[in-house]
Amino acid sequence: MVGFGHFAGGTGPAGIATATLRDLAPHSASILDHHLLMLVTKGHGTHEVDFEMFQCRPGTLVWARPGQLVRPGGQPGLDATLVCWTPSPWPARGGAANEGDGVPDLPDGGPTHRQLAGEDEDAVINEVSQLVVDCERELSPELLRQQLATLLLRIRLLGPQPTEGHVPDPDGALPADGPRGPWPVEGHEDDTFARFHADLEAGYARSRRVEEYADRLGCCVRTLTRASLAATGRSAKQVIDDRVTLQAKRLLAGTDLPVAEIGRRLGFPEPTNFGRFFQREAGHSPGAFRAWAATSPTSHPADPINAGAAEAAEVPPQGGEPTAARAGVPAPRPPLDPVTGFVQA
């Protein structure tokens, strides 16, 4: 069996690797350094990306990106085909980076989750199957890259799951396919937000001040806030804090770094300031969140904040019936095995 977390080389000149879910050894939650496309082929279960749970059955497609934290389900009978590729430029003929070799850029945008059906499902299954076979045959890197580019373009054009919509994730980053799906609406505010989003990805660990981002983009704070509200329903300041909070959660759940070091990496020289920020944004301390994330997913509820309320409801007062848990307590998280990322054997 193979573990999957970080690439360890051996993927060939095309930078692509394939495997099946059943080949993977259990590991803890992992922060990916590569793209991971999962097409469920058998069984039912769950797959978690950045603390969002997706129900899986044959035809389910889940696309996790570099930097995201993944926790795939390990339910008995669940299996899937995995396609992984590195985000860095692939070597072209002669060892040079993608210059003049005629290979298209790989699409980045596309739904994180999609339940395939009908002709769409048939087409994606055929393309994934052919890519797996050709990877095993170690065919031309140019051919493999063309096949992957075609597959990703098809997935991108499918758009988001029709029943899901695009509600901004309160825990952090925007959906990988954007706040409106893979086809951004043209307009000045969309362009402003796209530039802000790119600048934020590069600078969230250095600054959380809206004014600095607005200055670099050549606009005023009001314009940036209006663009953020139009794209996500969140102010520019909220978008910044959401992104920092998500990264903190990833590092707390997916690494063994000390809390103080995580704070420093995110621009908090003083651990107490990081603790206050995380408490305010996430509703609990970094230590409490890490302890919750490290607990077996089969034994803790999805919300560490409300866990205490649910437990309190089970203890009846003296001479009385059990009290009701406070409203809004989510149901316990469905069973999951620990997750891993993917490496080529």
Protein backbone atom coordinates (compact mmCIF):
# COMPACT_ATOMS: atom_id res chain seq x y z
CA MET A 1 0.00 0.00 0.00
CA VAL A 2 1.08 3.55 -0.62
CA GLY A 3 0.69 6.60 1.57
CA PHE A 4 -0.42 9.79 -0.01
CA GLY A 5 0.51 13.24 1.22
CA HIS A 6 3.31 14.82 -0.73
CA PHE A 7 4.88 13.88 -4.01
CA ALA A 8 8.14 12.04 -3.57
CA GLY A 9 9.16 12.01 -7.21
CA GLY A 10 8.83 9.07 -9.57
CA THR A 11 5.87 10.57 -11.41
CA GLY A 12 7.64 10.61 -14.76
CA PRO A 13 8.39 13.55 -17.03
CA ALA A 14 4.71 14.48 -17.37
CA GLY A 15 4.38 15.11 -13.63
CA ILE A 16 1.22 12.97 -13.41
CA ALA A 17 0.48 9.99 -11.16
CA THR A 18 -2.58 7.76 -10.84
CA ALA A 19 -3.73 5.29 -8.19
CA THR A 20 -6.86 3.94 -6.56
CA LEU A 21 -8.24 4.76 -3.12
CA ARG A 22 -7.89 1.16 -1.95
CA ASP A 23 -4.11 1.32 -2.60
CA LEU A 24 -3.63 3.96 0.08
CA ALA A 25 -2.34 3.39 3.57
CA PRO A 26 -4.14 5.35 6.33
CA HIS A 27 -2.48 8.58 7.45
CA SER A 28 -3.55 11.68 9.33
CA ALA A 29 -5.11 14.69 7.61
CA SER A 30 -2.78 16.13 4.97
CA ILE A 31 -2.14 19.48 3.35
CA LEU A 32 -1.66 18.80 -0.35
CA ASP A 33 1.26 20.08 -2.39
CA HIS A 34 -0.40 18.94 -5.62
CA HIS A 35 -3.78 18.65 -7.32
CA LEU A 36 -5.84 15.60 -6.41
CA LEU A 37 -8.78 14.59 -8.60
CA MET A 38 -10.91 11.76 -7.23
CA LEU A 39 -13.54 9.92 -9.28
CA VAL A 40 -15.55 7.51 -7.12
CA THR A 41 -16.01 4.14 -8.84
CA LYS A 42 -17.53 1.97 -6.12
CA GLY A 43 -19.35 2.19 -2.80
CA HIS A 44 -20.64 5.05 -0.69
CA GLY A 45 -18.86 7.26 1.82
CA THR A 46 -17.48 10.73 2.40
CA HIS A 47 -14.54 12.91 1.43
CA GLU A 48 -13.55 16.09 3.26
CA VAL A 49 -11.80 19.10 1.71
CA ASP A 50 -10.93 22.07 3.92
CA PHE A 51 -13.38 20.90 6.60
CA GLU A 52 -16.28 20.62 4.16
CA MET A 53 -17.79 17.15 3.88
CA PHE A 54 -18.87 15.74 0.51
CA GLN A 55 -21.07 12.68 0.18
CA CYS A 56 -19.63 10.20 -2.31
CA ARG A 57 -21.12 7.48 -4.50
CA PRO A 58 -20.23 6.14 -7.96
CA GLY A 59 -19.85 9.09 -10.32
CA THR A 60 -18.87 11.59 -7.60
CA LEU A 61 -16.01 13.86 -8.62
CA VAL A 62 -13.95 15.78 -6.03
CA TRP A 63 -11.08 18.11 -7.00
CA ALA A 64 -8.73 19.25 -4.19
CA ARG A 65 -6.09 21.88 -4.88
CA PRO A 66 -2.55 22.46 -3.60
CA GLY A 67 -2.60 23.90 -0.10
CA GLN A 68 -5.97 22.42 0.82
CA LEU A 69 -6.40 20.01 3.71
CA VAL A 70 -7.96 16.69 2.73
CA ARG A 71 -9.52 13.90 4.75
CA PRO A 72 -10.82 11.22 2.36
CA GLY A 73 -13.31 8.70 3.65
CA GLY A 74 -12.22 5.14 4.27
CA GLN A 75 -15.56 3.42 4.53
CA PRO A 76 -15.58 -0.28 3.62
CA GLY A 77 -16.33 -0.77 -0.05
CA LEU A 78 -15.56 2.83 -1.05
CA ASP A 79 -13.10 3.06 -3.94
CA ALA A 80 -12.06 5.72 -6.42
CA THR A 81 -9.60 6.46 -9.17
CA LEU A 82 -7.12 9.20 -8.23
CA VAL A 83 -5.29 11.47 -10.65
CA CYS A 84 -2.57 13.72 -9.21
CA TRP A 85 -0.40 16.34 -10.84
CA THR A 86 2.03 18.99 -9.71
CA PRO A 87 1.13 22.69 -9.91
CA SER A 88 4.59 23.74 -11.12
CA PRO A 89 5.37 24.16 -14.85
CA TRP A 90 6.07 20.85 -16.46
CA PRO A 91 9.28 20.30 -18.37
CA ALA A 92 8.96 20.46 -22.11
CA ARG A 93 11.14 18.77 -24.67
CA GLY A 94 14.79 19.40 -23.98
CA GLY A 95 14.10 20.22 -20.32
CA ALA A 96 12.87 23.79 -20.87
CA ALA A 97 9.70 24.97 -19.21
CA ASN A 98 6.51 24.98 -21.32
CA GLU A 99 7.79 27.05 -24.22
CA GLY A 100 6.79 26.35 -27.78
CA ASP A 101 5.80 22.74 -27.19
CA GLY A 102 2.16 23.29 -28.12
CA VAL A 103 0.78 21.94 -24.85
CA PRO A 104 -2.11 24.02 -23.49
CA ASP A 105 -2.12 25.45 -20.00
CA LEU A 106 -3.94 23.28 -17.47
CA PRO A 107 -7.27 24.80 -16.41
CA ASP A 108 -7.31 25.80 -12.73
CA GLY A 109 -10.97 26.65 -12.40
CA GLY A 110 -13.58 23.98 -11.97
CA PRO A 111 -16.01 22.61 -9.42
CA THR A 112 -14.62 21.23 -6.19
CA HIS A 113 -17.46 18.70 -6.12
CA ARG A 114 -19.74 17.39 -8.82
CA GLN A 115 -22.05 14.39 -9.04
CA LEU A 116 -21.77 13.18 -12.62
CA ALA A 117 -24.61 11.60 -14.55
CA GLY A 118 -25.54 10.58 -18.07
CA GLU A 119 -23.29 11.54 -20.96
CA ASP A 120 -21.12 13.74 -18.75
CA GLU A 121 -20.34 10.80 -16.49
CA ASP A 122 -19.56 8.53 -19.45
CA ALA A 123 -17.22 11.10 -20.99
CA VAL A 124 -15.29 11.78 -17.78
CA ILE A 125 -14.99 8.05 -16.96
CA ASN A 126 -13.65 7.34 -20.46
CA GLU A 127 -11.08 10.13 -20.29
CA VAL A 128 -9.92 9.22 -16.78
CA SER A 129 -9.66 5.54 -17.74
CA GLN A 130 -7.61 6.34 -20.83
CA LEU A 131 -5.30 8.61 -18.84
CA VAL A 132 -4.73 5.86 -16.26
CA VAL A 133 -3.89 3.31 -18.97
CA ASP A 134 -1.55 5.68 -20.80
CA CYS A 135 0.22 6.66 -17.57
CA GLU A 136 0.83 2.99 -16.84
CA ARG A 137 2.22 2.58 -20.37
CA GLU A 138 4.46 5.63 -19.80
CA LEU A 139 3.48 7.18 -23.10
CA SER A 140 4.66 10.56 -24.36
CA PRO A 141 4.56 13.32 -21.71
CA GLU A 142 3.04 15.65 -24.31
CA LEU A 143 0.20 13.20 -24.92
CA LEU A 144 -0.46 12.72 -21.19
CA ARG A 145 -0.50 16.46 -20.61
CA GLN A 146 -2.88 16.99 -23.51
CA GLN A 147 -5.18 14.30 -22.12
CA LEU A 148 -5.15 15.84 -18.66
CA ALA A 149 -5.79 19.32 -20.08
CA THR A 150 -8.79 17.99 -22.03
CA LEU A 151 -10.16 16.23 -18.95
CA LEU A 152 -9.84 19.33 -16.78
CA LEU A 153 -11.42 21.55 -19.42
CA ARG A 154 -14.39 19.20 -19.63
CA ILE A 155 -14.76 19.28 -15.84
CA ARG A 156 -14.49 23.06 -15.78
CA LEU A 157 -17.24 23.40 -18.36
CA LEU A 158 -19.55 21.24 -16.24
CA GLY A 159 -19.75 24.06 -13.71
CA PRO A 160 -20.77 23.73 -10.06
CA GLN A 161 -23.16 21.15 -8.72
CA PRO A 162 -26.61 22.53 -9.74
CA THR A 163 -28.14 21.92 -6.29
CA GLU A 164 -25.27 23.47 -4.35
CA GLY A 165 -25.16 27.11 -5.45
CA HIS A 166 -22.24 29.21 -4.28
CA VAL A 167 -22.59 30.22 -0.68
CA PRO A 168 -19.25 31.62 0.55
CA ASP A 169 -17.48 29.26 2.93
CA PRO A 170 -17.57 30.89 6.38
CA ASP A 171 -14.42 28.99 7.37
CA GLY A 172 -12.12 30.47 4.80
CA ALA A 173 -11.15 30.60 1.18
CA LEU A 174 -13.42 31.07 -1.76
CA PRO A 175 -14.53 28.03 -3.73
CA ALA A 176 -11.84 26.97 -6.19
CA ASP A 177 -14.19 27.72 -9.08
CA GLY A 178 -14.94 31.22 -7.86
CA PRO A 179 -17.92 32.87 -6.18
CA ARG A 180 -20.09 32.56 -9.27
CA GLY A 181 -18.84 29.30 -10.67
CA PRO A 182 -16.24 28.84 -13.39
CA TRP A 183 -17.52 31.67 -15.57
CA PRO A 184 -16.95 35.03 -13.80
CA VAL A 185 -19.38 37.74 -14.80
CA GLU A 186 -17.65 40.49 -16.69
CA GLY A 187 -17.47 43.85 -15.01
CA HIS A 188 -15.24 46.23 -13.11
CA GLU A 189 -16.09 44.83 -9.68
CA ASP A 190 -15.30 41.29 -10.81
CA ASP A 191 -11.92 42.39 -12.10
CA THR A 192 -11.20 44.26 -8.88
CA PHE A 193 -12.10 41.28 -6.75
CA ALA A 194 -10.09 38.87 -8.93
CA ARG A 195 -7.00 41.05 -8.50
CA PHE A 196 -7.68 41.37 -4.77
CA HIS A 197 -8.07 37.60 -4.42
CA ALA A 198 -4.74 37.00 -6.18
CA ASP A 199 -2.99 39.63 -4.06
CA LEU A 200 -4.52 38.19 -0.90
CA GLU A 201 -3.24 34.69 -1.71
CA ALA A 202 0.25 36.11 -1.98
CA GLY A 203 0.08 38.42 1.03
CA TYR A 204 -2.37 37.19 3.69
CA ALA A 205 0.51 36.14 5.96
CA ARG A 206 2.06 39.62 5.79
CA SER A 207 -0.88 41.96 6.12
CA ARG A 208 -4.49 41.94 7.23
CA ARG A 209 -5.10 45.64 6.56
CA VAL A 210 -7.61 46.43 3.82
CA GLU A 211 -5.87 49.75 3.19
CA GLU A 212 -2.65 48.06 2.09
CA TYR A 213 -4.42 45.82 -0.41
CA ALA A 214 -6.41 48.76 -1.77
CA ASP A 215 -3.23 50.81 -2.21
CA ARG A 216 -1.50 48.03 -4.12
CA LEU A 217 -4.55 47.60 -6.37
CA GLY A 218 -4.84 51.34 -6.97
CA CYS A 219 -8.35 51.71 -5.57
CA CYS A 220 -9.98 52.97 -2.41
CA VAL A 221 -11.13 50.82 0.51
CA ARG A 222 -14.75 51.53 -0.34
CA THR A 223 -14.31 50.21 -3.89
CA LEU A 224 -12.57 47.07 -2.65
CA THR A 225 -15.25 46.42 -0.05
CA ARG A 226 -18.00 46.90 -2.61
CA ALA A 227 -16.29 44.42 -4.96
CA SER A 228 -15.89 41.87 -2.15
CA LEU A 229 -19.52 42.18 -1.11
CA ALA A 230 -20.67 41.72 -4.70
CA ALA A 231 -18.51 38.62 -5.20
CA THR A 232 -18.84 36.87 -1.83
CA GLY A 233 -21.34 38.66 0.38
CA ARG A 234 -18.45 39.43 2.75
CA SER A 235 -16.58 42.69 3.27
CA ALA A 236 -12.94 42.97 2.22
CA LYS A 237 -11.83 42.82 5.85
CA GLN A 238 -13.93 39.70 6.44
CA VAL A 239 -12.48 38.05 3.33
CA ILE A 240 -8.95 38.73 4.61
CA ASP A 241 -9.68 37.41 8.09
CA ASP A 242 -11.47 34.37 6.64
CA ARG A 243 -8.40 33.51 4.58
CA VAL A 244 -6.04 33.80 7.56
CA THR A 245 -8.39 31.73 9.71
CA LEU A 246 -8.61 28.99 7.09
CA GLN A 247 -4.82 28.76 6.86
CA ALA A 248 -4.57 28.62 10.64
CA LYS A 249 -7.07 25.74 10.69
CA ARG A 250 -5.14 23.90 7.98
CA LEU A 251 -1.86 24.22 9.87
CA LEU A 252 -3.42 23.27 13.20
CA ALA A 253 -5.10 20.17 11.77
CA GLY A 254 -2.52 19.13 9.19
CA THR A 255 0.85 19.80 10.89
CA ASP A 256 2.57 19.40 14.25
CA LEU A 257 3.85 22.98 14.27
CA PRO A 258 3.63 24.71 17.66
CA VAL A 259 0.75 27.15 17.95
CA ALA A 260 3.18 30.04 18.44
CA GLU A 261 5.01 29.14 15.21
CA ILE A 262 1.74 28.98 13.28
CA GLY A 263 0.90 32.44 14.61
CA ARG A 264 4.29 33.78 13.51
CA ARG A 265 3.84 32.33 10.03
CA LEU A 266 0.52 34.13 9.76
CA GLY A 267 1.85 37.50 10.88
CA PHE A 268 1.30 37.35 14.64
CA PRO A 269 4.64 37.86 16.45
CA GLU A 270 2.90 37.48 19.83
CA PRO A 271 1.12 34.16 20.51
CA THR A 272 -1.49 35.90 22.64
CA ASN A 273 -2.53 38.07 19.68
CA PHE A 274 -2.90 35.01 17.48
CA GLY A 275 -4.92 33.27 20.17
CA ARG A 276 -7.29 36.23 20.49
CA PHE A 277 -7.67 36.48 16.71
CA PHE A 278 -8.42 32.77 16.33
CA GLN A 279 -10.83 32.77 19.27
CA ARG A 280 -12.71 35.69 17.75
CA GLU A 281 -12.86 34.27 14.23
CA ALA A 282 -13.24 30.53 14.91
CA GLY A 283 -15.02 30.67 18.24
CA HIS A 284 -12.49 28.62 20.21
CA SER A 285 -8.79 28.57 21.02
CA PRO A 286 -6.13 27.16 18.67
CA GLY A 287 -5.37 24.41 21.16
CA ALA A 288 -9.01 23.38 21.43
CA PHE A 289 -9.38 23.29 17.67
CA ARG A 290 -6.24 21.17 17.25
CA ALA A 291 -7.42 18.72 19.92
CA TRP A 292 -10.80 18.45 18.20
CA ALA A 293 -9.21 17.92 14.77
CA ALA A 294 -6.91 15.20 16.14
CA THR A 295 -9.80 13.24 17.63
CA SER A 296 -11.14 10.32 15.65
CA PRO A 297 -13.85 11.75 13.37
CA THR A 298 -16.14 8.93 14.48
CA SER A 299 -16.22 10.24 18.04
CA HIS A 300 -16.68 13.99 17.86
CA PRO A 301 -19.27 16.36 16.43
CA ALA A 302 -18.55 18.58 13.48
CA ASP A 303 -18.57 21.76 15.55
CA PRO A 304 -16.15 21.92 18.51
CA ILE A 305 -17.85 25.07 19.78
CA ASN A 306 -21.23 23.42 20.23
CA ALA A 307 -19.91 20.05 21.36
CA GLY A 308 -20.21 21.03 25.01
CA ALA A 309 -23.81 22.07 24.55
CA ALA A 310 -24.70 18.71 23.04
CA GLU A 311 -23.01 16.87 25.91
CA ALA A 312 -24.74 19.05 28.50
CA ALA A 313 -28.10 18.15 27.01
CA GLU A 314 -27.48 14.50 27.82
CA VAL A 315 -27.14 15.17 31.57
CA PRO A 316 -30.57 15.60 33.17
CA PRO A 317 -30.95 18.13 35.96
CA GLN A 318 -31.73 16.76 39.41
CA GLY A 319 -35.24 15.35 39.42
CA GLY A 320 -35.92 16.32 35.84
CA GLU A 321 -35.72 15.31 32.19
CA PRO A 322 -32.72 15.99 29.95
CA THR A 323 -32.58 19.58 28.75
CA ALA A 324 -32.55 20.34 25.04
CA ALA A 325 -29.26 21.29 23.44
CA ARG A 326 -29.10 24.85 22.23
CA ALA A 327 -30.41 25.51 18.76
CA GLY A 328 -28.02 25.15 15.87
CA VAL A 329 -25.99 22.24 17.22
CA PRO A 330 -25.03 20.20 14.13
CA ALA A 331 -25.38 16.45 13.91
CA PRO A 332 -22.24 14.41 14.61
CA ARG A 333 -19.80 14.12 11.75
CA PRO A 334 -20.28 10.89 9.75
CA PRO A 335 -17.59 8.24 10.31
CA LEU A 336 -14.30 8.82 8.50
CA ASP A 337 -10.94 7.17 8.50
CA PRO A 338 -7.88 9.44 8.78
CA VAL A 339 -6.79 11.00 5.53
CA THR A 340 -3.69 11.22 3.51
CA GLY A 341 -2.47 12.94 0.35
CA PHE A 342 -0.87 11.05 -2.56
CA VAL A 343 2.64 10.02 -3.57
CA GLN A 344 3.76 7.79 -6.34
CA ALA A 345 5.08 4.48 -5.05
